[in-house]
């Protein structure tokens, strides 16, 4: 099932959408898996924060590596909100002004 992400929560379903972010999301998640496997108790996340972020349509998504979770930028409140999606748990798609998680 696919879920619409609204204000950082999973609320509805759809299978269509713009999957252009798949390549960027895949690259970020591959970097995350490499880091997660090799990290020690005090390992720092490699790279700049921007390297863990990508845009999909009008949305900005950010993988917070220590948490292993994707956050979406809420432009209205200028804050990052948890999407409820962990690394590797689904692909994102944008349809108009809606953000979805595709499984």
N, C-alpha and C. Protein backbone atom coordinates (compact mmCIF):
# COMPACT_ATOMS: atom_id res chain seq x y z
N UNK A 1 0.85 -1.17 0.00
CA UNK A 1 0.00 0.00 0.00
C UNK A 1 0.89 1.23 0.00
N UNK A 2 0.43 2.30 -0.60
CA UNK A 2 1.16 3.56 -0.63
C UNK A 2 0.44 4.56 0.26
N UNK A 3 1.21 5.48 0.83
CA UNK A 3 0.62 6.39 1.81
C UNK A 3 0.95 7.83 1.49
N UNK A 4 -0.06 8.70 1.64
CA UNK A 4 0.16 10.13 1.50
C UNK A 4 0.79 10.64 2.78
N UNK A 5 1.78 11.49 2.65
CA UNK A 5 2.45 12.06 3.81
C UNK A 5 2.01 13.50 3.94
N UNK A 6 1.29 13.81 4.97
CA UNK A 6 0.83 15.18 5.19
C UNK A 6 1.33 15.67 6.52
N UNK A 7 2.01 16.77 6.51
CA UNK A 7 2.54 17.37 7.74
C UNK A 7 3.34 16.36 8.55
N UNK A 8 4.06 15.49 7.84
CA UNK A 8 4.95 14.57 8.52
C UNK A 8 4.30 13.28 9.00
N UNK A 9 3.03 13.04 8.64
CA UNK A 9 2.41 11.81 9.07
C UNK A 9 1.89 11.03 7.87
N UNK A 10 1.78 9.72 8.01
CA UNK A 10 1.28 8.86 6.96
C UNK A 10 -0.24 8.83 7.08
N UNK A 11 -0.95 9.31 6.01
CA UNK A 11 -2.40 9.43 6.16
C UNK A 11 -3.24 8.82 5.05
N UNK A 12 -2.73 8.55 3.85
CA UNK A 12 -3.58 8.04 2.76
C UNK A 12 -2.77 7.19 1.79
N UNK A 13 -3.39 6.81 0.66
CA UNK A 13 -2.72 5.90 -0.27
C UNK A 13 -2.82 6.33 -1.72
N UNK A 14 -1.78 5.98 -2.51
CA UNK A 14 -1.78 6.18 -3.96
C UNK A 14 -0.60 5.43 -4.56
N UNK A 15 -0.75 4.94 -5.78
CA UNK A 15 0.34 4.24 -6.45
C UNK A 15 0.95 5.05 -7.57
N UNK A 16 0.38 6.16 -7.93
CA UNK A 16 0.91 6.98 -9.01
C UNK A 16 1.80 8.06 -8.44
N UNK A 17 2.53 8.72 -9.34
CA UNK A 17 3.31 9.86 -8.87
C UNK A 17 4.65 9.96 -9.54
N UNK A 18 5.30 11.05 -9.27
CA UNK A 18 6.60 11.36 -9.83
C UNK A 18 7.65 10.63 -9.03
N UNK A 19 8.30 9.64 -9.65
CA UNK A 19 9.33 8.87 -8.96
C UNK A 19 10.72 9.33 -9.31
N UNK A 20 10.87 10.56 -9.81
CA UNK A 20 12.18 11.05 -10.24
C UNK A 20 13.19 11.09 -9.11
N UNK A 21 12.74 11.09 -7.87
CA UNK A 21 13.67 11.15 -6.76
C UNK A 21 14.25 9.80 -6.39
N UNK A 22 13.81 8.72 -7.07
CA UNK A 22 14.28 7.38 -6.72
C UNK A 22 15.80 7.28 -6.74
N UNK A 23 16.44 7.80 -7.77
CA UNK A 23 17.89 7.69 -7.90
C UNK A 23 18.59 8.42 -6.75
N UNK A 24 18.14 9.62 -6.44
CA UNK A 24 18.75 10.37 -5.33
C UNK A 24 18.48 9.68 -4.00
N UNK A 25 17.25 9.23 -3.80
CA UNK A 25 16.92 8.55 -2.56
C UNK A 25 17.74 7.27 -2.43
N UNK A 26 17.86 6.51 -3.52
CA UNK A 26 18.66 5.28 -3.49
C UNK A 26 20.11 5.56 -3.12
N UNK A 27 20.68 6.61 -3.69
CA UNK A 27 22.08 6.95 -3.41
C UNK A 27 22.27 7.31 -1.93
N UNK A 28 21.35 8.08 -1.39
CA UNK A 28 21.43 8.48 0.02
C UNK A 28 21.27 7.25 0.91
N UNK A 29 20.33 6.39 0.59
CA UNK A 29 20.12 5.20 1.41
C UNK A 29 21.28 4.22 1.31
N UNK A 30 21.94 4.15 0.15
CA UNK A 30 23.13 3.30 0.01
C UNK A 30 24.25 3.84 0.90
N UNK A 31 24.43 5.15 0.92
CA UNK A 31 25.44 5.78 1.78
C UNK A 31 25.10 5.50 3.25
N UNK A 32 23.82 5.57 3.58
CA UNK A 32 23.38 5.30 4.94
C UNK A 32 23.72 3.87 5.34
N UNK A 33 23.43 2.88 4.48
CA UNK A 33 23.72 1.48 4.80
C UNK A 33 25.21 1.27 5.01
N UNK A 34 26.04 1.89 4.17
CA UNK A 34 27.49 1.78 4.34
C UNK A 34 27.93 2.35 5.67
N UNK A 35 27.40 3.51 6.01
CA UNK A 35 27.74 4.16 7.28
C UNK A 35 27.26 3.32 8.47
N UNK A 36 26.03 2.82 8.38
CA UNK A 36 25.44 2.05 9.48
C UNK A 36 26.23 0.77 9.77
N UNK A 37 26.66 0.08 8.72
CA UNK A 37 27.41 -1.16 8.89
C UNK A 37 28.78 -0.88 9.53
N UNK A 38 29.44 0.21 9.14
CA UNK A 38 30.79 0.47 9.61
C UNK A 38 30.91 1.38 10.81
N UNK A 39 29.80 1.89 11.30
CA UNK A 39 29.91 2.86 12.39
C UNK A 39 30.22 2.22 13.72
N UNK A 40 30.96 2.97 14.51
CA UNK A 40 31.22 2.57 15.88
C UNK A 40 30.28 3.33 16.79
N UNK A 41 30.47 3.15 18.06
CA UNK A 41 29.59 3.80 19.03
C UNK A 41 29.66 5.32 18.94
N UNK A 42 30.80 5.85 18.51
CA UNK A 42 30.96 7.30 18.46
C UNK A 42 31.20 7.81 17.05
N UNK A 43 30.78 7.05 16.05
CA UNK A 43 31.02 7.41 14.66
C UNK A 43 30.20 8.63 14.25
N UNK A 44 30.86 9.56 13.59
CA UNK A 44 30.16 10.72 13.06
C UNK A 44 29.61 10.39 11.69
N UNK A 45 28.49 11.03 11.34
CA UNK A 45 27.89 10.85 10.02
C UNK A 45 28.78 11.56 9.01
N UNK A 46 29.18 10.85 7.93
CA UNK A 46 30.07 11.47 6.94
C UNK A 46 29.35 12.48 6.05
N UNK A 47 30.12 13.46 5.62
CA UNK A 47 29.60 14.44 4.66
C UNK A 47 28.81 15.57 5.30
N UNK A 48 28.47 16.52 4.44
CA UNK A 48 27.68 17.67 4.87
C UNK A 48 26.21 17.29 4.95
N UNK A 49 25.43 18.00 5.77
CA UNK A 49 24.00 17.69 5.86
C UNK A 49 23.29 17.70 4.49
N UNK A 50 23.71 18.58 3.61
CA UNK A 50 23.08 18.68 2.29
C UNK A 50 23.22 17.39 1.48
N UNK A 51 24.23 16.59 1.80
CA UNK A 51 24.44 15.33 1.09
C UNK A 51 23.43 14.27 1.51
N UNK A 52 22.66 14.52 2.54
CA UNK A 52 21.65 13.59 3.03
C UNK A 52 20.24 14.07 2.70
N UNK A 53 20.17 15.06 1.81
CA UNK A 53 18.90 15.70 1.46
C UNK A 53 18.69 15.65 -0.04
N UNK A 54 17.42 15.55 -0.46
CA UNK A 54 17.10 15.68 -1.88
C UNK A 54 15.73 16.33 -2.04
N UNK A 55 15.50 16.87 -3.22
CA UNK A 55 14.22 17.51 -3.54
C UNK A 55 13.43 16.61 -4.47
N UNK A 56 12.13 16.60 -4.26
CA UNK A 56 11.21 15.86 -5.10
C UNK A 56 10.01 16.76 -5.32
N UNK A 57 9.90 17.30 -6.54
CA UNK A 57 8.87 18.31 -6.78
C UNK A 57 9.16 19.51 -5.90
N UNK A 58 8.16 19.94 -5.15
CA UNK A 58 8.35 21.09 -4.25
C UNK A 58 8.77 20.66 -2.85
N UNK A 59 8.99 19.36 -2.66
CA UNK A 59 9.32 18.82 -1.34
C UNK A 59 10.82 18.66 -1.16
N UNK A 60 11.27 18.85 0.09
CA UNK A 60 12.64 18.55 0.47
C UNK A 60 12.59 17.44 1.49
N UNK A 61 13.39 16.40 1.26
CA UNK A 61 13.45 15.25 2.16
C UNK A 61 14.87 15.10 2.68
N UNK A 62 14.99 14.74 3.94
CA UNK A 62 16.28 14.68 4.62
C UNK A 62 16.34 13.41 5.44
N UNK A 63 17.36 12.57 5.20
CA UNK A 63 17.56 11.36 5.99
C UNK A 63 18.45 11.71 7.17
N UNK A 64 17.90 11.62 8.37
CA UNK A 64 18.69 11.86 9.57
C UNK A 64 19.31 10.51 9.94
N UNK A 65 20.57 10.36 9.57
CA UNK A 65 21.25 9.06 9.66
C UNK A 65 21.26 8.47 11.07
N UNK A 66 21.58 9.21 12.13
CA UNK A 66 21.60 8.58 13.45
C UNK A 66 20.24 7.98 13.84
N UNK A 67 19.16 8.54 13.30
CA UNK A 67 17.82 8.01 13.58
C UNK A 67 17.37 7.00 12.54
N UNK A 68 17.99 7.04 11.34
CA UNK A 68 17.59 6.16 10.26
C UNK A 68 16.20 6.48 9.74
N UNK A 69 15.78 7.76 9.81
CA UNK A 69 14.43 8.16 9.44
C UNK A 69 14.46 9.35 8.49
N UNK A 70 13.46 9.36 7.61
CA UNK A 70 13.29 10.46 6.66
C UNK A 70 12.41 11.55 7.27
N UNK A 71 12.85 12.79 7.08
CA UNK A 71 12.08 13.95 7.51
C UNK A 71 11.76 14.79 6.28
N UNK A 72 10.59 15.44 6.28
CA UNK A 72 10.19 16.33 5.19
C UNK A 72 10.14 17.75 5.74
N UNK A 73 10.54 18.70 4.90
CA UNK A 73 10.54 20.09 5.34
C UNK A 73 9.13 20.65 5.24
N UNK A 74 8.65 21.20 6.35
CA UNK A 74 7.36 21.89 6.42
C UNK A 74 7.66 23.36 6.20
N UNK A 75 7.46 23.83 4.96
CA UNK A 75 7.82 25.21 4.61
C UNK A 75 6.99 26.23 5.38
N UNK A 76 5.73 25.93 5.64
CA UNK A 76 4.87 26.87 6.35
C UNK A 76 5.42 27.20 7.74
N UNK A 77 5.90 26.19 8.44
CA UNK A 77 6.43 26.38 9.79
C UNK A 77 7.95 26.39 9.84
N UNK A 78 8.58 26.24 8.67
CA UNK A 78 10.03 26.22 8.53
C UNK A 78 10.67 25.27 9.54
N UNK A 79 10.20 24.00 9.48
CA UNK A 79 10.76 22.97 10.35
C UNK A 79 10.71 21.63 9.64
N UNK A 80 11.53 20.70 10.11
CA UNK A 80 11.58 19.35 9.57
C UNK A 80 10.66 18.48 10.39
N UNK A 81 9.83 17.67 9.69
CA UNK A 81 8.89 16.78 10.39
C UNK A 81 9.13 15.34 9.98
N UNK A 82 9.05 14.46 10.94
CA UNK A 82 9.24 13.03 10.71
C UNK A 82 8.14 12.53 9.77
N UNK A 83 8.53 11.82 8.71
CA UNK A 83 7.56 11.27 7.77
C UNK A 83 6.97 9.96 8.25
N UNK A 84 7.59 9.36 9.27
CA UNK A 84 7.17 8.05 9.71
C UNK A 84 7.77 6.93 8.87
N UNK A 85 8.71 7.30 7.98
CA UNK A 85 9.34 6.33 7.07
C UNK A 85 10.81 6.21 7.42
N UNK A 86 11.24 4.99 7.65
CA UNK A 86 12.64 4.73 7.92
C UNK A 86 13.40 4.48 6.63
N UNK A 87 14.71 4.52 6.70
CA UNK A 87 15.55 4.24 5.54
C UNK A 87 15.24 2.84 5.02
N UNK A 88 14.98 2.73 3.74
CA UNK A 88 14.69 1.45 3.12
C UNK A 88 13.26 0.97 3.26
N UNK A 89 12.39 1.76 3.86
CA UNK A 89 11.01 1.34 4.08
C UNK A 89 10.06 1.72 2.97
N UNK A 90 10.50 2.42 1.96
CA UNK A 90 9.61 2.81 0.86
C UNK A 90 10.22 3.92 0.03
N UNK A 91 9.65 4.16 -1.12
CA UNK A 91 10.08 5.22 -2.03
C UNK A 91 9.11 6.37 -1.91
N UNK A 92 9.59 7.56 -2.13
CA UNK A 92 8.73 8.74 -2.10
C UNK A 92 8.28 9.10 -3.50
N UNK A 93 7.10 9.68 -3.60
CA UNK A 93 6.56 10.18 -4.87
C UNK A 93 5.80 11.48 -4.58
N UNK A 94 5.87 12.41 -5.51
CA UNK A 94 5.14 13.67 -5.37
C UNK A 94 4.07 13.72 -6.45
N UNK A 95 2.86 14.07 -6.03
CA UNK A 95 1.75 14.27 -6.96
C UNK A 95 1.15 15.62 -6.62
N UNK A 96 1.42 16.60 -7.48
CA UNK A 96 0.95 17.95 -7.20
C UNK A 96 1.51 18.46 -5.89
N UNK A 97 0.61 18.80 -4.98
CA UNK A 97 1.03 19.31 -3.67
C UNK A 97 1.03 18.22 -2.60
N UNK A 98 1.01 16.97 -3.01
CA UNK A 98 0.97 15.86 -2.06
C UNK A 98 2.23 15.01 -2.17
N UNK A 99 2.70 14.53 -1.04
CA UNK A 99 3.86 13.67 -0.96
C UNK A 99 3.37 12.29 -0.50
N UNK A 100 3.82 11.24 -1.23
CA UNK A 100 3.41 9.87 -0.92
C UNK A 100 4.60 8.98 -0.66
N UNK A 101 4.36 7.94 0.09
CA UNK A 101 5.33 6.85 0.24
C UNK A 101 4.80 5.69 -0.58
N UNK A 102 5.63 5.22 -1.53
CA UNK A 102 5.28 4.06 -2.33
C UNK A 102 5.98 2.85 -1.73
N UNK A 103 5.27 1.76 -1.60
CA UNK A 103 5.88 0.54 -1.05
C UNK A 103 6.21 -0.41 -2.16
